[in-house]
Amino acid sequence: MDANSPEQPRSHRIQTAMVLFALEEALGNFVIASAQDASLIPASLRIEIERRLENASMVPVSQLIQQTYLKEVLDISVSISKDRSEHDALRRLREISNNLDIYDIRNSVCHPNRAFPEVFWVRMAAIASDPCIEQARLSIVSDALRCAVENRLTPPPDGWLNQRTWSVPNSLPSTFDHQVTGLIARQVAGWRCASA
């Protein structure tokens, strides 16, 4: 596709959304798998999230994660990984996410009527290709990036784009039927991509 093509910004937005969705899903899954008990989540974060659940206390981790913002799930991931091999990688992920303004990227992806700067796709690709992703065992992010770069695009579910800015998606399906291309889809390590 020609870089000056009118379709290019749309493609960059979809590529970015696809990779960002995979990152949010991977972080949510990491927290759910690593913190079987909500008491392992720092109290300051847990109380704020529980407040969004109408003051429900000590709800299951999976329910808490459904209410987290991206920044919160990154902070929780770093906190609960302190005694795990993924800790340094997750700290690095949080640092580069902050430095590359991932929250602005998330906000821009969710506003389809606004211009989508190409730099946001480049920043998202930089985050997803950083070695910290593999070191933190967030392989679905690498898979999504590979598919996005190869233009085998599958955008996230429509509802994800309409959710609160910077939040982790709720009730994530394991695959998505929405496809941008008319190509036949195939499964790649938990991420559905369009085949070449």
C-alpha atoms as a PDB file:
ATOM      1  CA  MET A   1       0.000   0.000   0.000  1.00  0.00           C
ATOM      2  CA  ASP A   2       1.302   3.454  -0.951  1.00  0.00           C
ATOM      3  CA  ALA A   3       2.298   5.506   2.091  1.00  0.00           C
ATOM      4  CA  ASN A   4       0.279   8.426   0.683  1.00  0.00           C
ATOM      5  CA  SER A   5      -2.821   6.317   0.153  1.00  0.00           C
ATOM      6  CA  PRO A   6      -5.969   7.488   1.994  1.00  0.00           C
ATOM      7  CA  GLU A   7      -6.265   3.937   3.342  1.00  0.00           C
ATOM      8  CA  GLN A   8      -2.896   4.128   5.124  1.00  0.00           C
ATOM      9  CA  PRO A   9      -4.108   6.104   8.210  1.00  0.00           C
ATOM     10  CA  ARG A  10      -7.028   3.690   8.584  1.00  0.00           C
ATOM     11  CA  SER A  11      -4.634   0.769   8.319  1.00  0.00           C
ATOM     12  CA  HIS A  12      -2.299   2.288  10.928  1.00  0.00           C
ATOM     13  CA  ARG A  13      -5.225   2.799  13.293  1.00  0.00           C
ATOM     14  CA  ILE A  14      -6.322  -0.830  12.869  1.00  0.00           C
ATOM     15  CA  GLN A  15      -2.759  -2.125  13.215  1.00  0.00           C
ATOM     16  CA  THR A  16      -2.336  -0.098  16.383  1.00  0.00           C
ATOM     17  CA  ALA A  17      -5.686  -1.189  17.824  1.00  0.00           C
ATOM     18  CA  MET A  18      -4.912  -4.834  17.079  1.00  0.00           C
ATOM     19  CA  VAL A  19      -1.549  -4.718  18.885  1.00  0.00           C
ATOM     20  CA  LEU A  20      -2.822  -2.582  21.766  1.00  0.00           C
ATOM     21  CA  PHE A  21      -5.757  -4.933  22.312  1.00  0.00           C
ATOM     22  CA  ALA A  22      -3.327  -7.886  22.456  1.00  0.00           C
ATOM     23  CA  LEU A  23      -1.208  -6.016  25.014  1.00  0.00           C
ATOM     24  CA  GLU A  24      -4.195  -5.238  27.229  1.00  0.00           C
ATOM     25  CA  GLU A  25      -5.409  -8.818  26.964  1.00  0.00           C
ATOM     26  CA  ALA A  26      -1.954 -10.234  27.762  1.00  0.00           C
ATOM     27  CA  LEU A  27      -1.511  -8.006  30.815  1.00  0.00           C
ATOM     28  CA  GLY A  28      -4.984  -8.851  32.098  1.00  0.00           C
ATOM     29  CA  ASN A  29      -4.295 -12.561  31.641  1.00  0.00           C
ATOM     30  CA  PHE A  30      -0.934 -12.206  33.416  1.00  0.00           C
ATOM     31  CA  VAL A  31      -2.562 -10.570  36.440  1.00  0.00           C
ATOM     32  CA  ILE A  32      -5.368 -13.125  36.595  1.00  0.00           C
ATOM     33  CA  ALA A  33      -2.905 -16.036  36.381  1.00  0.00           C
ATOM     34  CA  SER A  34      -0.422 -14.511  38.848  1.00  0.00           C
ATOM     35  CA  ALA A  35      -2.725 -13.149  41.551  1.00  0.00           C
ATOM     36  CA  GLN A  36      -5.219 -15.848  42.463  1.00  0.00           C
ATOM     37  CA  ASP A  37      -6.215 -13.730  45.448  1.00  0.00           C
ATOM     38  CA  ALA A  38      -7.243 -10.063  45.159  1.00  0.00           C
ATOM     39  CA  SER A  39      -5.323  -9.306  48.365  1.00  0.00           C
ATOM     40  CA  LEU A  40      -2.111  -9.616  46.308  1.00  0.00           C
ATOM     41  CA  ILE A  41      -3.100  -6.473  44.401  1.00  0.00           C
ATOM     42  CA  PRO A  42      -1.825  -3.348  46.192  1.00  0.00           C
ATOM     43  CA  ALA A  43      -4.545  -2.022  48.481  1.00  0.00           C
ATOM     44  CA  SER A  44      -4.418   1.514  47.067  1.00  0.00           C
ATOM     45  CA  LEU A  45      -5.170   0.222  43.561  1.00  0.00           C
ATOM     46  CA  ARG A  46      -7.618  -2.460  44.662  1.00  0.00           C
ATOM     47  CA  ILE A  47      -9.726  -0.044  46.720  1.00  0.00           C
ATOM     48  CA  GLU A  48      -9.984   2.420  43.831  1.00  0.00           C
ATOM     49  CA  ILE A  49     -11.031  -0.333  41.417  1.00  0.00           C
ATOM     50  CA  GLU A  50     -13.521  -1.793  43.915  1.00  0.00           C
ATOM     51  CA  ARG A  51     -15.063   1.675  44.239  1.00  0.00           C
ATOM     52  CA  ARG A  52     -15.948   1.470  40.540  1.00  0.00           C
ATOM     53  CA  LEU A  53     -17.733  -1.783  41.351  1.00  0.00           C
ATOM     54  CA  GLU A  54     -20.006   0.130  43.731  1.00  0.00           C
ATOM     55  CA  ASN A  55     -17.889  -0.522  46.807  1.00  0.00           C
ATOM     56  CA  ALA A  56     -17.745  -4.270  46.375  1.00  0.00           C
ATOM     57  CA  SER A  57     -14.853  -5.568  48.449  1.00  0.00           C
ATOM     58  CA  MET A  58     -12.601  -8.532  47.812  1.00  0.00           C
ATOM     59  CA  VAL A  59     -14.137  -9.477  44.471  1.00  0.00           C
ATOM     60  CA  PRO A  60     -12.346 -12.044  42.289  1.00  0.00           C
ATOM     61  CA  VAL A  61      -9.249 -10.824  40.461  1.00  0.00           C
ATOM     62  CA  SER A  62     -10.878 -11.476  37.099  1.00  0.00           C
ATOM     63  CA  GLN A  63     -13.697  -9.087  37.997  1.00  0.00           C
ATOM     64  CA  LEU A  64     -11.261  -6.439  39.228  1.00  0.00           C
ATOM     65  CA  ILE A  65      -9.269  -6.641  35.994  1.00  0.00           C
ATOM     66  CA  GLN A  66     -12.426  -5.992  33.993  1.00  0.00           C
ATOM     67  CA  GLN A  67     -12.573  -2.558  35.644  1.00  0.00           C
ATOM     68  CA  THR A  68      -8.922  -1.542  35.358  1.00  0.00           C
ATOM     69  CA  TYR A  69      -7.449   1.151  33.201  1.00  0.00           C
ATOM     70  CA  LEU A  70      -4.331   0.338  31.194  1.00  0.00           C
ATOM     71  CA  LYS A  71      -2.095   2.259  33.594  1.00  0.00           C
ATOM     72  CA  GLU A  72      -3.552   0.360  36.531  1.00  0.00           C
ATOM     73  CA  VAL A  73      -3.070  -3.057  34.972  1.00  0.00           C
ATOM     74  CA  LEU A  74       0.536  -2.148  34.151  1.00  0.00           C
ATOM     75  CA  ASP A  75       1.099  -1.026  37.756  1.00  0.00           C
ATOM     76  CA  ILE A  76      -0.563  -4.167  39.109  1.00  0.00           C
ATOM     77  CA  SER A  77       1.534  -6.365  36.802  1.00  0.00           C
ATOM     78  CA  VAL A  78       4.745  -4.780  38.046  1.00  0.00           C
ATOM     79  CA  SER A  79       3.656  -5.001  41.684  1.00  0.00           C
ATOM     80  CA  ILE A  80       2.584  -8.650  41.690  1.00  0.00           C
ATOM     81  CA  SER A  81       5.652  -9.772  39.733  1.00  0.00           C
ATOM     82  CA  LYS A  82       8.172  -8.631  42.366  1.00  0.00           C
ATOM     83  CA  ASP A  83       9.324 -12.178  43.131  1.00  0.00           C
ATOM     84  CA  ARG A  84       9.014 -13.448  39.563  1.00  0.00           C
ATOM     85  CA  SER A  85      11.357 -13.568  36.600  1.00  0.00           C
ATOM     86  CA  GLU A  86       9.062 -11.228  34.622  1.00  0.00           C
ATOM     87  CA  HIS A  87       9.493  -8.320  37.043  1.00  0.00           C
ATOM     88  CA  ASP A  88      12.312  -6.438  35.293  1.00  0.00           C
ATOM     89  CA  ALA A  89      10.660  -6.901  31.897  1.00  0.00           C
ATOM     90  CA  LEU A  90       7.331  -5.577  33.176  1.00  0.00           C
ATOM     91  CA  ARG A  91       9.059  -2.603  34.785  1.00  0.00           C
ATOM     92  CA  ARG A  92      10.714  -1.912  31.424  1.00  0.00           C
ATOM     93  CA  LEU A  93       7.345  -2.262  29.659  1.00  0.00           C
ATOM     94  CA  ARG A  94       5.771   0.263  32.025  1.00  0.00           C
ATOM     95  CA  GLU A  95       8.678   2.658  31.525  1.00  0.00           C
ATOM     96  CA  ILE A  96       8.597   2.582  27.718  1.00  0.00           C
ATOM     97  CA  SER A  97       4.795   2.714  27.729  1.00  0.00           C
ATOM     98  CA  ASN A  98       4.955   5.894  29.776  1.00  0.00           C
ATOM     99  CA  ASN A  99       7.773   7.373  27.676  1.00  0.00           C
ATOM    100  CA  LEU A 100       5.975   6.652  24.389  1.00  0.00           C
ATOM    101  CA  ASP A 101       2.604   7.921  25.696  1.00  0.00           C
ATOM    102  CA  ILE A 102       0.687   4.666  25.260  1.00  0.00           C
ATOM    103  CA  TYR A 103      -2.301   6.252  27.001  1.00  0.00           C
ATOM    104  CA  ASP A 104      -2.530   8.930  24.299  1.00  0.00           C
ATOM    105  CA  ILE A 105      -2.313   6.159  21.710  1.00  0.00           C
ATOM    106  CA  ARG A 106      -5.192   4.301  23.403  1.00  0.00           C
ATOM    107  CA  ASN A 107      -7.221   7.491  23.486  1.00  0.00           C
ATOM    108  CA  SER A 108      -6.595   8.244  19.808  1.00  0.00           C
ATOM    109  CA  VAL A 109      -7.460   4.695  18.683  1.00  0.00           C
ATOM    110  CA  CYS A 110     -10.836   5.049  20.396  1.00  0.00           C
ATOM    111  CA  HIS A 111     -11.803   8.255  18.598  1.00  0.00           C
ATOM    112  CA  PRO A 112     -12.357   7.256  14.968  1.00  0.00           C
ATOM    113  CA  ASN A 113     -13.436  10.742  13.871  1.00  0.00           C
ATOM    114  CA  ARG A 114     -10.107  12.277  14.859  1.00  0.00           C
ATOM    115  CA  ALA A 115      -6.956  12.160  12.775  1.00  0.00           C
ATOM    116  CA  PHE A 116      -4.681   9.269  13.687  1.00  0.00           C
ATOM    117  CA  PRO A 117      -1.018  10.316  13.612  1.00  0.00           C
ATOM    118  CA  GLU A 118       1.257   7.738  11.968  1.00  0.00           C
ATOM    119  CA  VAL A 119       3.695   8.177  14.844  1.00  0.00           C
ATOM    120  CA  PHE A 120       1.212   6.367  17.122  1.00  0.00           C
ATOM    121  CA  TRP A 121       1.528   3.211  15.020  1.00  0.00           C
ATOM    122  CA  VAL A 122       5.322   3.522  15.106  1.00  0.00           C
ATOM    123  CA  ARG A 123       5.289   3.966  18.887  1.00  0.00           C
ATOM    124  CA  MET A 124       2.950   0.994  19.387  1.00  0.00           C
ATOM    125  CA  ALA A 125       5.171  -1.145  17.164  1.00  0.00           C
ATOM    126  CA  ALA A 126       8.220  -0.021  19.172  1.00  0.00           C
ATOM    127  CA  ILE A 127       6.560  -1.042  22.439  1.00  0.00           C
ATOM    128  CA  ALA A 128       5.379  -4.388  21.052  1.00  0.00           C
ATOM    129  CA  SER A 129       8.773  -5.210  19.523  1.00  0.00           C
ATOM    130  CA  ASP A 130      10.813  -4.361  22.601  1.00  0.00           C
ATOM    131  CA  PRO A 131      12.559  -7.435  24.074  1.00  0.00           C
ATOM    132  CA  CYS A 132      10.657  -6.879  27.340  1.00  0.00           C
ATOM    133  CA  ILE A 133       7.523  -8.289  25.668  1.00  0.00           C
ATOM    134  CA  GLU A 134       9.114 -11.704  25.120  1.00  0.00           C
ATOM    135  CA  GLN A 135      10.925 -11.553  28.465  1.00  0.00           C
ATOM    136  CA  ALA A 136       7.574 -10.987  30.187  1.00  0.00           C
ATOM    137  CA  ARG A 137       6.125 -13.929  28.212  1.00  0.00           C
ATOM    138  CA  LEU A 138       3.494 -11.764  26.522  1.00  0.00           C
ATOM    139  CA  SER A 139       3.766 -13.704  23.264  1.00  0.00           C
ATOM    140  CA  ILE A 140       0.303 -12.777  21.979  1.00  0.00           C
ATOM    141  CA  VAL A 141       1.596  -9.220  21.634  1.00  0.00           C
ATOM    142  CA  SER A 142       4.463 -10.381  19.411  1.00  0.00           C
ATOM    143  CA  ASP A 143       2.023 -12.478  17.375  1.00  0.00           C
ATOM    144  CA  ALA A 144      -0.347  -9.550  16.937  1.00  0.00           C
ATOM    145  CA  LEU A 145       2.522  -7.276  15.897  1.00  0.00           C
ATOM    146  CA  ARG A 146       3.725  -9.810  13.331  1.00  0.00           C
ATOM    147  CA  CYS A 147       0.231 -10.092  11.859  1.00  0.00           C
ATOM    148  CA  ALA A 148      -0.213  -6.313  11.810  1.00  0.00           C
ATOM    149  CA  VAL A 149       3.104  -5.733  10.053  1.00  0.00           C
ATOM    150  CA  GLU A 150       2.231  -8.394   7.471  1.00  0.00           C
ATOM    151  CA  ASN A 151      -1.131  -6.624   6.981  1.00  0.00           C
ATOM    152  CA  ARG A 152      -3.074  -9.665   8.172  1.00  0.00           C
ATOM    153  CA  LEU A 153      -5.432  -7.483  10.135  1.00  0.00           C
ATOM    154  CA  THR A 154      -8.199  -8.361  12.507  1.00  0.00           C
ATOM    155  CA  PRO A 155      -9.457  -5.372  14.458  1.00  0.00           C
ATOM    156  CA  PRO A 156     -10.533  -5.787  18.068  1.00  0.00           C
ATOM    157  CA  PRO A 157     -14.245  -6.277  18.782  1.00  0.00           C
ATOM    158  CA  ASP A 158     -16.355  -3.173  18.183  1.00  0.00           C
ATOM    159  CA  GLY A 159     -17.212  -2.851  21.871  1.00  0.00           C
ATOM    160  CA  TRP A 160     -13.550  -2.537  22.848  1.00  0.00           C
ATOM    161  CA  LEU A 161     -13.184   0.702  20.913  1.00  0.00           C
ATOM    162  CA  ASN A 162     -16.204   2.157  22.705  1.00  0.00           C
ATOM    163  CA  GLN A 163     -15.087   1.269  26.235  1.00  0.00           C
ATOM    164  CA  ARG A 164     -13.604   3.691  28.684  1.00  0.00           C
ATOM    165  CA  THR A 165     -10.363   5.110  27.397  1.00  0.00           C
ATOM    166  CA  TRP A 166      -7.324   3.177  28.607  1.00  0.00           C
ATOM    167  CA  SER A 167      -9.322   0.324  30.107  1.00  0.00           C
ATOM    168  CA  VAL A 168      -8.675  -3.374  29.820  1.00  0.00           C
ATOM    169  CA  PRO A 169     -11.398  -5.060  27.753  1.00  0.00           C
ATOM    170  CA  ASN A 170     -14.163  -6.975  29.521  1.00  0.00           C
ATOM    171  CA  SER A 171     -15.310 -10.488  28.635  1.00  0.00           C
ATOM    172  CA  LEU A 172     -12.625 -11.056  26.042  1.00  0.00           C
ATOM    173  CA  PRO A 173     -13.459 -13.625  23.379  1.00  0.00           C
ATOM    174  CA  SER A 174     -10.672 -16.021  22.397  1.00  0.00           C
ATOM    175  CA  THR A 175     -11.025 -15.146  18.681  1.00  0.00           C
ATOM    176  CA  PHE A 176     -12.657 -12.429  16.648  1.00  0.00           C
ATOM    177  CA  ASP A 177     -14.706 -12.773  13.483  1.00  0.00           C
ATOM    178  CA  HIS A 178     -14.300  -9.157  12.365  1.00  0.00           C
ATOM    179  CA  GLN A 179     -11.873  -8.951   9.448  1.00  0.00           C
ATOM    180  CA  VAL A 180     -10.606  -6.010   7.495  1.00  0.00           C
ATOM    181  CA  THR A 181      -9.378  -7.993   4.520  1.00  0.00           C
ATOM    182  CA  GLY A 182     -11.328 -10.487   2.463  1.00  0.00           C
ATOM    183  CA  LEU A 183      -8.682 -13.092   3.153  1.00  0.00           C
ATOM    184  CA  ILE A 184      -9.285 -16.397   4.870  1.00  0.00           C
ATOM    185  CA  ALA A 185      -8.464 -16.262   8.577  1.00  0.00           C
ATOM    186  CA  ARG A 186      -6.179 -18.603  10.473  1.00  0.00           C
ATOM    187  CA  GLN A 187      -5.250 -18.965  14.116  1.00  0.00           C
ATOM    188  CA  VAL A 188      -1.774 -17.785  15.199  1.00  0.00           C
ATOM    189  CA  ALA A 189      -0.918 -18.538  18.830  1.00  0.00           C
ATOM    190  CA  GLY A 190      -4.216 -17.332  20.248  1.00  0.00           C
ATOM    191  CA  TRP A 191      -4.502 -14.368  17.894  1.00  0.00           C
ATOM    192  CA  ARG A 192      -6.679 -14.532  14.795  1.00  0.00           C
ATOM    193  CA  CYS A 193      -4.947 -13.121  11.721  1.00  0.00           C
ATOM    194  CA  ALA A 194      -5.898 -12.994   8.093  1.00  0.00           C
ATOM    195  CA  SER A 195      -3.819 -15.335   5.910  1.00  0.00           C
ATOM    196  CA  ALA A 196      -1.783 -14.125   3.011  1.00  0.00           C
END
